[in-house]
Amino acid sequence: MICGKHIVTACKVAWYGDSSYSYSYSGTIKVALPWTKELRALKRLVEEKAGCSFNSSLCNLYRDGSEGLGWHSDDEKALGKEPMIASLSLGAERKFSFRHKRKSGGHPISIQLENGSLLVMKGTTQTFWQHSVPKTAKITTPRINLTFRNIVLGEVSRI
């Protein structure tokens, strides 16, 4: 849901977790699938690098640059007050942009997320910043993004 309008995304999404948590964001509800062997191995590597354990992962497939992600913050109540989110990029290199929520007129800050890169957002990042993956015609190959996060169990229901 964007400005009250239901938008269908082309990006393929899957949700995995330690249990069958239900997670609601942008007007959709996902029920966590059990970890696959491969995702569990990636989760361990990410936890080691980030210095934090995670209980879930939102997995997105962007088939090419025509699929992106608009400005948003991962600030759902189920993620807690200052969520730590570790974003693992696999495949095509993509631009990842930040903009401050309260400083209007400021220019976005952008970085390139290469294949195998890990971006960790923590502290007040989601409180004060929005992020996006802009669409581009220059990218013709797929990218998988795995965002590892912790669901605060008191804020979600189990199926």
Foldseek 3Di string as FASTA:
>chain_A
DPPPDDDDAPKDKAKAFPAQWWDDDPRDIHTHDYDDPVRVVVQVVQCVVVVHHFGMKMKIKDAKLQGKWDWAFPCDPQQPDKKKKKKFKADDKFKKWKDFPPDPPDDIDIDIHHHGDIDIGTDCCRVTMIMMTHGDPVIRGMMMMMITIYGDVVVTDGD
